């Protein structure tokens, strides 16, 4: 195999250190106007991260995942959204992710309610990292919802800067799990100074897109496959230049102190 092909193949394998994860926005052949606009608005929240594909695609991800895996690998996107519409499953929005070139998790949502970005006056800056807030007991107690929460974090986390300024926080996306539905509510955060003090307070303004989602079908990885996908790079332990200093397998530092022989005859004792 030529070196160029080897390098490309290696770059497409699962990596411990990954770049920002792109999302492929795939429009199904039968997608309704409502769900197409909803997916476009989600892309606007994450822009410029993402690859919108305008061509209509005939795909059935739950029946045959190969076409969607091919499109994602071709566009270097480990995450995807796919829209479709039918009488049985109206306004369908599928979110999923890949690991090692194959579907890891995939969730089918029905869009029951949608309010577009243009229906709100609030706007955020381009490329802003959002704060993700998850509310509702199902996100902590139900297996499927725990995994869906993790998937939503993967998709909506945005850029991954090394540092964040408190004053730079201007976008919050809240997901509420209640009554078998997930409510997505984005907010613009405006920081205002409190008169007469040097403190500031945050005011949240409604913005779009607002989505009410119902979970329809799921295809979630087993625990072994999921654990492998979540594998993290071990922290490198720097070799210490100090003598008699060592680290155990848990990263705890241990040191040895050598003291000279003490002359107890010359030790000062307090007399009572």
C-alpha atoms as a PDB file:
ATOM      1  CA  UNK A   1       0.000   0.000   0.000  1.00  0.00           C
ATOM      2  CA  UNK A   2       1.444   3.444  -0.932  1.00  0.00           C
ATOM      3  CA  UNK A   3       2.514   5.688   1.947  1.00  0.00           C
ATOM      4  CA  UNK A   4      -0.184   8.269   1.139  1.00  0.00           C
ATOM      5  CA  UNK A   5      -2.920   5.636   1.334  1.00  0.00           C
ATOM      6  CA  UNK A   6      -1.504   4.324   4.620  1.00  0.00           C
ATOM      7  CA  UNK A   7      -1.499   7.809   6.115  1.00  0.00           C
ATOM      8  CA  UNK A   8      -5.111   8.421   5.020  1.00  0.00           C
ATOM      9  CA  UNK A   9      -6.220   5.050   6.373  1.00  0.00           C
ATOM     10  CA  UNK A  10      -4.448   5.699   9.683  1.00  0.00           C
ATOM     11  CA  UNK A  11      -6.042   9.147  10.012  1.00  0.00           C
ATOM     12  CA  UNK A  12      -9.522   7.637   9.644  1.00  0.00           C
ATOM     13  CA  UNK A  13      -9.002   5.139  12.450  1.00  0.00           C
ATOM     14  CA  UNK A  14     -10.176   5.841  15.994  1.00  0.00           C
ATOM     15  CA  UNK A  15      -7.844   8.361  17.649  1.00  0.00           C
ATOM     16  CA  UNK A  16      -7.114   9.086  21.310  1.00  0.00           C
ATOM     17  CA  UNK A  17      -6.495  12.748  20.454  1.00  0.00           C
ATOM     18  CA  UNK A  18      -9.237  13.942  18.104  1.00  0.00           C
ATOM     19  CA  UNK A  19      -9.881  17.253  16.396  1.00  0.00           C
ATOM     20  CA  UNK A  20     -13.214  19.029  16.768  1.00  0.00           C
ATOM     21  CA  UNK A  21     -15.916  16.591  15.727  1.00  0.00           C
ATOM     22  CA  UNK A  22     -17.706  17.496  12.527  1.00  0.00           C
ATOM     23  CA  UNK A  23     -21.387  16.739  12.078  1.00  0.00           C
ATOM     24  CA  UNK A  24     -22.698  15.606   8.691  1.00  0.00           C
ATOM     25  CA  UNK A  25     -26.148  17.120   8.074  1.00  0.00           C
ATOM     26  CA  UNK A  26     -27.788  14.683   5.655  1.00  0.00           C
ATOM     27  CA  UNK A  27     -31.114  15.428   4.012  1.00  0.00           C
ATOM     28  CA  UNK A  28     -33.271  12.409   3.297  1.00  0.00           C
ATOM     29  CA  UNK A  29     -35.160  12.045   0.027  1.00  0.00           C
ATOM     30  CA  UNK A  30     -38.528  12.214   1.820  1.00  0.00           C
ATOM     31  CA  UNK A  31     -37.627  14.907   4.383  1.00  0.00           C
ATOM     32  CA  UNK A  32     -40.373  17.398   5.201  1.00  0.00           C
ATOM     33  CA  UNK A  33     -39.809  21.141   5.041  1.00  0.00           C
ATOM     34  CA  UNK A  34     -40.267  21.452   8.819  1.00  0.00           C
ATOM     35  CA  UNK A  35     -37.590  18.950   9.810  1.00  0.00           C
ATOM     36  CA  UNK A  36     -35.230  20.215   7.076  1.00  0.00           C
ATOM     37  CA  UNK A  37     -35.457  23.758   8.460  1.00  0.00           C
ATOM     38  CA  UNK A  38     -34.999  22.448  12.006  1.00  0.00           C
ATOM     39  CA  UNK A  39     -31.766  20.662  11.046  1.00  0.00           C
ATOM     40  CA  UNK A  40     -30.542  23.749   9.194  1.00  0.00           C
ATOM     41  CA  UNK A  41     -31.129  25.862  12.312  1.00  0.00           C
ATOM     42  CA  UNK A  42     -29.148  23.387  14.421  1.00  0.00           C
ATOM     43  CA  UNK A  43     -26.296  23.755  11.945  1.00  0.00           C
ATOM     44  CA  UNK A  44     -26.517  27.546  12.324  1.00  0.00           C
ATOM     45  CA  UNK A  45     -25.984  27.128  16.079  1.00  0.00           C
ATOM     46  CA  UNK A  46     -22.804  25.112  15.485  1.00  0.00           C
ATOM     47  CA  UNK A  47     -21.530  26.921  12.396  1.00  0.00           C
ATOM     48  CA  UNK A  48     -18.768  26.785  11.120  1.00  0.00           C
ATOM     49  CA  UNK A  49     -18.293  23.272  12.579  1.00  0.00           C
ATOM     50  CA  UNK A  50     -20.230  20.848  10.400  1.00  0.00           C
ATOM     51  CA  UNK A  51     -20.763  19.681   6.828  1.00  0.00           C
ATOM     52  CA  UNK A  52     -24.239  20.450   5.398  1.00  0.00           C
ATOM     53  CA  UNK A  53     -25.081  18.139   2.488  1.00  0.00           C
ATOM     54  CA  UNK A  54     -27.829  19.616   0.333  1.00  0.00           C
ATOM     55  CA  UNK A  55     -28.277  16.648  -1.972  1.00  0.00           C
ATOM     56  CA  UNK A  56     -31.246  14.429  -1.143  1.00  0.00           C
ATOM     57  CA  UNK A  57     -30.210  10.908  -0.147  1.00  0.00           C
ATOM     58  CA  UNK A  58     -32.232   7.703  -0.229  1.00  0.00           C
ATOM     59  CA  UNK A  59     -31.222   6.044   3.041  1.00  0.00           C
ATOM     60  CA  UNK A  60     -32.771   3.892   5.763  1.00  0.00           C
ATOM     61  CA  UNK A  61     -30.185   4.115   8.569  1.00  0.00           C
ATOM     62  CA  UNK A  62     -31.896   1.623  10.900  1.00  0.00           C
ATOM     63  CA  UNK A  63     -32.290  -0.959   8.126  1.00  0.00           C
ATOM     64  CA  UNK A  64     -28.908  -0.454   6.418  1.00  0.00           C
ATOM     65  CA  UNK A  65     -26.213   1.681   8.044  1.00  0.00           C
ATOM     66  CA  UNK A  66     -23.594   1.218   5.282  1.00  0.00           C
ATOM     67  CA  UNK A  67     -24.640   4.239   3.126  1.00  0.00           C
ATOM     68  CA  UNK A  68     -24.602   6.674   6.032  1.00  0.00           C
ATOM     69  CA  UNK A  69     -21.268   5.279   7.274  1.00  0.00           C
ATOM     70  CA  UNK A  70     -19.823   5.828   3.796  1.00  0.00           C
ATOM     71  CA  UNK A  71     -21.038   9.439   3.634  1.00  0.00           C
ATOM     72  CA  UNK A  72     -19.678  10.208   7.111  1.00  0.00           C
ATOM     73  CA  UNK A  73     -16.262   8.706   6.389  1.00  0.00           C
ATOM     74  CA  UNK A  74     -16.073  10.459   3.022  1.00  0.00           C
ATOM     75  CA  UNK A  75     -16.673  13.839   4.713  1.00  0.00           C
ATOM     76  CA  UNK A  76     -14.596  13.041   7.838  1.00  0.00           C
ATOM     77  CA  UNK A  77     -17.619  13.354  10.134  1.00  0.00           C
ATOM     78  CA  UNK A  78     -17.884  11.088  13.205  1.00  0.00           C
ATOM     79  CA  UNK A  79     -21.325  12.578  13.976  1.00  0.00           C
ATOM     80  CA  UNK A  80     -24.402  12.900  11.797  1.00  0.00           C
ATOM     81  CA  UNK A  81     -27.992  14.066  11.545  1.00  0.00           C
ATOM     82  CA  UNK A  82     -30.447  12.639   9.036  1.00  0.00           C
ATOM     83  CA  UNK A  83     -33.945  13.854   8.192  1.00  0.00           C
ATOM     84  CA  UNK A  84     -36.891  11.940   6.760  1.00  0.00           C
ATOM     85  CA  UNK A  85     -40.676  11.991   6.753  1.00  0.00           C
ATOM     86  CA  UNK A  86     -43.391   9.378   6.375  1.00  0.00           C
ATOM     87  CA  UNK A  87     -46.980   8.846   7.430  1.00  0.00           C
ATOM     88  CA  UNK A  88     -45.847   6.392  10.107  1.00  0.00           C
ATOM     89  CA  UNK A  89     -42.939   8.552  11.325  1.00  0.00           C
ATOM     90  CA  UNK A  90     -43.599  12.212  10.485  1.00  0.00           C
ATOM     91  CA  UNK A  91     -40.875  14.858  10.793  1.00  0.00           C
ATOM     92  CA  UNK A  92     -38.141  12.352  11.613  1.00  0.00           C
ATOM     93  CA  UNK A  93     -34.732  13.509  12.890  1.00  0.00           C
ATOM     94  CA  UNK A  94     -32.032  10.873  13.447  1.00  0.00           C
ATOM     95  CA  UNK A  95     -28.873  11.721  15.392  1.00  0.00           C
ATOM     96  CA  UNK A  96     -25.943   9.358  15.630  1.00  0.00           C
ATOM     97  CA  UNK A  97     -22.208   8.877  15.937  1.00  0.00           C
ATOM     98  CA  UNK A  98     -19.571   6.576  14.540  1.00  0.00           C
ATOM     99  CA  UNK A  99     -16.625   4.792  16.092  1.00  0.00           C
ATOM    100  CA  UNK A 100     -13.899   3.225  13.999  1.00  0.00           C
ATOM    101  CA  UNK A 101     -15.966   3.829  10.864  1.00  0.00           C
ATOM    102  CA  UNK A 102     -19.145   2.114  12.075  1.00  0.00           C
ATOM    103  CA  UNK A 103     -22.340   3.233  13.816  1.00  0.00           C
ATOM    104  CA  UNK A 104     -21.867   3.381  17.584  1.00  0.00           C
ATOM    105  CA  UNK A 105     -25.123   4.994  18.743  1.00  0.00           C
ATOM    106  CA  UNK A 106     -28.158   6.144  16.787  1.00  0.00           C
ATOM    107  CA  UNK A 107     -31.388   7.707  18.053  1.00  0.00           C
ATOM    108  CA  UNK A 108     -34.528   8.523  16.092  1.00  0.00           C
ATOM    109  CA  UNK A 109     -36.505  11.560  17.266  1.00  0.00           C
ATOM    110  CA  UNK A 110     -39.854  12.871  16.150  1.00  0.00           C
ATOM    111  CA  UNK A 111     -40.054  16.670  15.952  1.00  0.00           C
ATOM    112  CA  UNK A 112     -43.413  17.469  17.552  1.00  0.00           C
ATOM    113  CA  UNK A 113     -42.912  21.220  17.807  1.00  0.00           C
ATOM    114  CA  UNK A 114     -40.442  23.638  16.232  1.00  0.00           C
ATOM    115  CA  UNK A 115     -39.831  27.390  16.375  1.00  0.00           C
ATOM    116  CA  UNK A 116     -37.207  28.748  13.999  1.00  0.00           C
ATOM    117  CA  UNK A 117     -34.264  31.021  14.766  1.00  0.00           C
ATOM    118  CA  UNK A 118     -35.810  33.892  12.801  1.00  0.00           C
ATOM    119  CA  UNK A 119     -38.830  33.916  15.127  1.00  0.00           C
ATOM    120  CA  UNK A 120     -36.591  35.293  17.890  1.00  0.00           C
ATOM    121  CA  UNK A 121     -34.624  38.534  17.984  1.00  0.00           C
ATOM    122  CA  UNK A 122     -31.747  37.122  20.082  1.00  0.00           C
ATOM    123  CA  UNK A 123     -28.607  36.121  18.163  1.00  0.00           C
ATOM    124  CA  UNK A 124     -25.234  34.681  19.199  1.00  0.00           C
ATOM    125  CA  UNK A 125     -21.771  35.292  17.773  1.00  0.00           C
ATOM    126  CA  UNK A 126     -20.262  32.851  15.282  1.00  0.00           C
ATOM    127  CA  UNK A 127     -18.379  29.905  16.767  1.00  0.00           C
ATOM    128  CA  UNK A 128     -19.403  30.522  20.394  1.00  0.00           C
ATOM    129  CA  UNK A 129     -19.059  27.533  22.719  1.00  0.00           C
ATOM    130  CA  UNK A 130     -22.373  26.813  24.460  1.00  0.00           C
ATOM    131  CA  UNK A 131     -22.958  25.752  28.033  1.00  0.00           C
ATOM    132  CA  UNK A 132     -25.046  22.572  27.994  1.00  0.00           C
ATOM    133  CA  UNK A 133     -27.576  22.104  30.796  1.00  0.00           C
ATOM    134  CA  UNK A 134     -29.504  18.848  31.287  1.00  0.00           C
ATOM    135  CA  UNK A 135     -32.541  18.803  33.562  1.00  0.00           C
ATOM    136  CA  UNK A 136     -34.818  15.912  34.411  1.00  0.00           C
ATOM    137  CA  UNK A 137     -34.455  12.674  36.366  1.00  0.00           C
ATOM    138  CA  UNK A 138     -34.508  10.399  33.264  1.00  0.00           C
ATOM    139  CA  UNK A 139     -31.106  11.789  32.209  1.00  0.00           C
ATOM    140  CA  UNK A 140     -29.665  10.304  35.420  1.00  0.00           C
ATOM    141  CA  UNK A 141     -31.672   7.112  35.947  1.00  0.00           C
ATOM    142  CA  UNK A 142     -32.751   5.617  32.597  1.00  0.00           C
ATOM    143  CA  UNK A 143     -30.147   3.769  30.511  1.00  0.00           C
ATOM    144  CA  UNK A 144     -31.376   5.009  27.123  1.00  0.00           C
ATOM    145  CA  UNK A 145     -31.679   8.603  28.324  1.00  0.00           C
ATOM    146  CA  UNK A 146     -28.211   8.537  29.898  1.00  0.00           C
ATOM    147  CA  UNK A 147     -26.769   7.450  26.549  1.00  0.00           C
ATOM    148  CA  UNK A 148     -28.893  10.032  24.682  1.00  0.00           C
ATOM    149  CA  UNK A 149     -27.566  12.720  27.017  1.00  0.00           C
ATOM    150  CA  UNK A 150     -24.014  11.694  26.142  1.00  0.00           C
ATOM    151  CA  UNK A 151     -24.848  11.760  22.424  1.00  0.00           C
ATOM    152  CA  UNK A 152     -26.331  15.261  22.705  1.00  0.00           C
ATOM    153  CA  UNK A 153     -23.195  16.402  24.526  1.00  0.00           C
ATOM    154  CA  UNK A 154     -21.091  15.030  21.678  1.00  0.00           C
ATOM    155  CA  UNK A 155     -23.142  16.820  19.036  1.00  0.00           C
ATOM    156  CA  UNK A 156     -23.734  20.189  20.701  1.00  0.00           C
ATOM    157  CA  UNK A 157     -20.528  20.735  22.689  1.00  0.00           C
ATOM    158  CA  UNK A 158     -19.049  23.079  20.069  1.00  0.00           C
ATOM    159  CA  UNK A 159     -15.419  24.269  20.027  1.00  0.00           C
ATOM    160  CA  UNK A 160     -13.029  23.009  22.697  1.00  0.00           C
ATOM    161  CA  UNK A 161     -10.855  25.964  23.753  1.00  0.00           C
ATOM    162  CA  UNK A 162      -8.160  25.547  26.388  1.00  0.00           C
ATOM    163  CA  UNK A 163      -9.524  28.482  28.403  1.00  0.00           C
ATOM    164  CA  UNK A 164     -12.917  30.169  28.742  1.00  0.00           C
ATOM    165  CA  UNK A 165     -13.526  33.740  29.881  1.00  0.00           C
ATOM    166  CA  UNK A 166     -16.532  34.231  32.133  1.00  0.00           C
ATOM    167  CA  UNK A 167     -17.438  37.369  30.188  1.00  0.00           C
ATOM    168  CA  UNK A 168     -17.287  35.354  26.971  1.00  0.00           C
ATOM    169  CA  UNK A 169     -20.165  33.087  27.987  1.00  0.00           C
ATOM    170  CA  UNK A 170     -23.168  34.077  25.897  1.00  0.00           C
ATOM    171  CA  UNK A 171     -24.892  30.857  24.845  1.00  0.00           C
ATOM    172  CA  UNK A 172     -26.740  28.211  26.872  1.00  0.00           C
ATOM    173  CA  UNK A 173     -28.561  25.186  25.458  1.00  0.00           C
ATOM    174  CA  UNK A 174     -30.897  23.488  27.909  1.00  0.00           C
ATOM    175  CA  UNK A 175     -32.314  19.990  27.441  1.00  0.00           C
ATOM    176  CA  UNK A 176     -35.265  19.023  29.640  1.00  0.00           C
ATOM    177  CA  UNK A 177     -36.433  15.404  29.904  1.00  0.00           C
ATOM    178  CA  UNK A 178     -40.056  15.164  31.004  1.00  0.00           C
ATOM    179  CA  UNK A 179     -43.016  12.973  30.163  1.00  0.00           C
ATOM    180  CA  UNK A 180     -41.153  10.880  27.608  1.00  0.00           C
ATOM    181  CA  UNK A 181     -40.050  13.950  25.647  1.00  0.00           C
ATOM    182  CA  UNK A 182     -36.917  16.074  25.365  1.00  0.00           C
ATOM    183  CA  UNK A 183     -37.337  19.838  25.183  1.00  0.00           C
ATOM    184  CA  UNK A 184     -34.456  21.779  23.617  1.00  0.00           C
ATOM    185  CA  UNK A 185     -34.307  25.413  24.721  1.00  0.00           C
ATOM    186  CA  UNK A 186     -31.398  27.661  23.622  1.00  0.00           C
ATOM    187  CA  UNK A 187     -30.777  30.986  25.383  1.00  0.00           C
ATOM    188  CA  UNK A 188     -28.682  34.061  24.759  1.00  0.00           C
ATOM    189  CA  UNK A 189     -26.861  35.110  27.929  1.00  0.00           C
ATOM    190  CA  UNK A 190     -26.535  38.848  28.455  1.00  0.00           C
ATOM    191  CA  UNK A 191     -24.268  39.989  31.263  1.00  0.00           C
ATOM    192  CA  UNK A 192     -25.307  43.240  32.905  1.00  0.00           C
ATOM    193  CA  UNK A 193     -23.477  45.227  35.529  1.00  0.00           C
ATOM    194  CA  UNK A 194     -25.307  45.732  38.826  1.00  0.00           C
ATOM    195  CA  UNK A 195     -25.604  49.495  39.464  1.00  0.00           C
ATOM    196  CA  UNK A 196     -23.439  50.749  42.300  1.00  0.00           C
ATOM    197  CA  UNK A 197     -21.279  47.612  42.435  1.00  0.00           C
ATOM    198  CA  UNK A 198     -18.482  45.959  40.474  1.00  0.00           C
ATOM    199  CA  UNK A 199     -20.539  42.769  40.099  1.00  0.00           C
ATOM    200  CA  UNK A 200     -22.472  41.522  37.088  1.00  0.00           C
ATOM    201  CA  UNK A 201     -25.636  39.491  36.689  1.00  0.00           C
ATOM    202  CA  UNK A 202     -26.687  37.227  33.826  1.00  0.00           C
ATOM    203  CA  UNK A 203     -29.984  37.609  31.986  1.00  0.00           C
ATOM    204  CA  UNK A 204     -31.184  34.844  29.647  1.00  0.00           C
ATOM    205  CA  UNK A 205     -33.146  35.658  26.488  1.00  0.00           C
ATOM    206  CA  UNK A 206     -35.108  33.071  24.520  1.00  0.00           C
ATOM    207  CA  UNK A 207     -33.714  32.207  21.111  1.00  0.00           C
ATOM    208  CA  UNK A 208     -34.154  29.524  18.492  1.00  0.00           C
ATOM    209  CA  UNK A 209     -34.389  26.874  17.415  1.00  0.00           C
ATOM    210  CA  UNK A 210     -36.823  25.516  20.001  1.00  0.00           C
ATOM    211  CA  UNK A 211     -37.587  21.836  19.572  1.00  0.00           C
ATOM    212  CA  UNK A 212     -39.900  19.384  21.305  1.00  0.00           C
ATOM    213  CA  UNK A 213     -38.584  15.897  20.576  1.00  0.00           C
ATOM    214  CA  UNK A 214     -40.033  12.468  21.254  1.00  0.00           C
ATOM    215  CA  UNK A 215     -37.766   9.406  21.210  1.00  0.00           C
ATOM    216  CA  UNK A 216     -38.931   6.817  18.679  1.00  0.00           C
ATOM    217  CA  UNK A 217     -36.215   4.231  18.009  1.00  0.00           C
ATOM    218  CA  UNK A 218     -32.739   3.681  19.411  1.00  0.00           C
ATOM    219  CA  UNK A 219     -29.732   1.633  18.365  1.00  0.00           C
ATOM    220  CA  UNK A 220     -27.195   1.843  21.171  1.00  0.00           C
ATOM    221  CA  UNK A 221     -23.821   0.151  21.492  1.00  0.00           C
ATOM    222  CA  UNK A 222     -23.282  -2.578  24.074  1.00  0.00           C
ATOM    223  CA  UNK A 223     -21.233  -1.710  27.149  1.00  0.00           C
ATOM    224  CA  UNK A 224     -17.995  -3.294  25.878  1.00  0.00           C
ATOM    225  CA  UNK A 225     -18.101  -1.431  22.565  1.00  0.00           C
ATOM    226  CA  UNK A 226     -19.106   1.797  24.297  1.00  0.00           C
ATOM    227  CA  UNK A 227     -16.269   1.491  26.832  1.00  0.00           C
ATOM    228  CA  UNK A 228     -13.777   0.984  24.015  1.00  0.00           C
ATOM    229  CA  UNK A 229     -15.085   4.101  22.263  1.00  0.00           C
ATOM    230  CA  UNK A 230     -14.710   6.130  25.476  1.00  0.00           C
ATOM    231  CA  UNK A 231     -11.099   5.077  25.983  1.00  0.00           C
ATOM    232  CA  UNK A 232      -8.968   7.995  27.101  1.00  0.00           C
ATOM    233  CA  UNK A 233      -5.304   8.701  26.597  1.00  0.00           C
ATOM    234  CA  UNK A 234      -3.317   7.903  29.756  1.00  0.00           C
ATOM    235  CA  UNK A 235      -1.726  10.922  31.333  1.00  0.00           C
ATOM    236  CA  UNK A 236       2.003  11.015  30.766  1.00  0.00           C
ATOM    237  CA  UNK A 237       4.027  10.928  33.973  1.00  0.00           C
ATOM    238  CA  UNK A 238       7.069  13.144  33.857  1.00  0.00           C
ATOM    239  CA  UNK A 239      10.266  11.535  35.038  1.00  0.00           C
ATOM    240  CA  UNK A 240      11.329  13.280  38.218  1.00  0.00           C
ATOM    241  CA  UNK A 241      14.841  14.700  38.442  1.00  0.00           C
ATOM    242  CA  UNK A 242      14.679  14.501  42.222  1.00  0.00           C
ATOM    243  CA  UNK A 243      16.277  11.494  43.817  1.00  0.00           C
ATOM    244  CA  UNK A 244      14.258   9.067  45.928  1.00  0.00           C
ATOM    245  CA  UNK A 245      10.976  10.261  44.389  1.00  0.00           C
ATOM    246  CA  UNK A 246       8.692   7.771  42.662  1.00  0.00           C
ATOM    247  CA  UNK A 247       5.093   7.448  41.421  1.00  0.00           C
ATOM    248  CA  UNK A 248       2.829   4.451  41.710  1.00  0.00           C
ATOM    249  CA  UNK A 249       0.371   3.239  39.074  1.00  0.00           C
ATOM    250  CA  UNK A 250      -2.317   5.587  40.454  1.00  0.00           C
ATOM    251  CA  UNK A 251      -0.093   8.640  40.011  1.00  0.00           C
ATOM    252  CA  UNK A 252       0.551   9.151  43.747  1.00  0.00           C
ATOM    253  CA  UNK A 253       3.972  10.628  44.534  1.00  0.00           C
ATOM    254  CA  UNK A 254       6.119   8.839  47.113  1.00  0.00           C
ATOM    255  CA  UNK A 255       9.393  10.120  48.563  1.00  0.00           C
ATOM    256  CA  UNK A 256      12.142   8.760  50.815  1.00  0.00           C
ATOM    257  CA  UNK A 257      14.013  10.940  53.286  1.00  0.00           C
ATOM    258  CA  UNK A 258      17.424   9.803  54.550  1.00  0.00           C
ATOM    259  CA  UNK A 259      18.504  11.298  57.871  1.00  0.00           C
ATOM    260  CA  UNK A 260      21.917  11.138  59.453  1.00  0.00           C
ATOM    261  CA  UNK A 261      22.563   9.399  62.761  1.00  0.00           C
ATOM    262  CA  UNK A 262      21.319  11.534  65.650  1.00  0.00           C
ATOM    263  CA  UNK A 263      23.380  12.100  68.799  1.00  0.00           C
ATOM    264  CA  UNK A 264      20.834  11.633  71.573  1.00  0.00           C
ATOM    265  CA  UNK A 265      23.444  12.541  74.255  1.00  0.00           C
ATOM    266  CA  UNK A 266      23.524  16.092  72.938  1.00  0.00           C
ATOM    267  CA  UNK A 267      19.752  16.379  72.498  1.00  0.00           C
ATOM    268  CA  UNK A 268      18.228  19.239  74.415  1.00  0.00           C
ATOM    269  CA  UNK A 269      15.650  18.083  76.958  1.00  0.00           C
ATOM    270  CA  UNK A 270      13.245  20.345  78.787  1.00  0.00           C
ATOM    271  CA  UNK A 271      13.733  20.142  82.533  1.00  0.00           C
ATOM    272  CA  UNK A 272      10.680  20.199  84.775  1.00  0.00           C
END
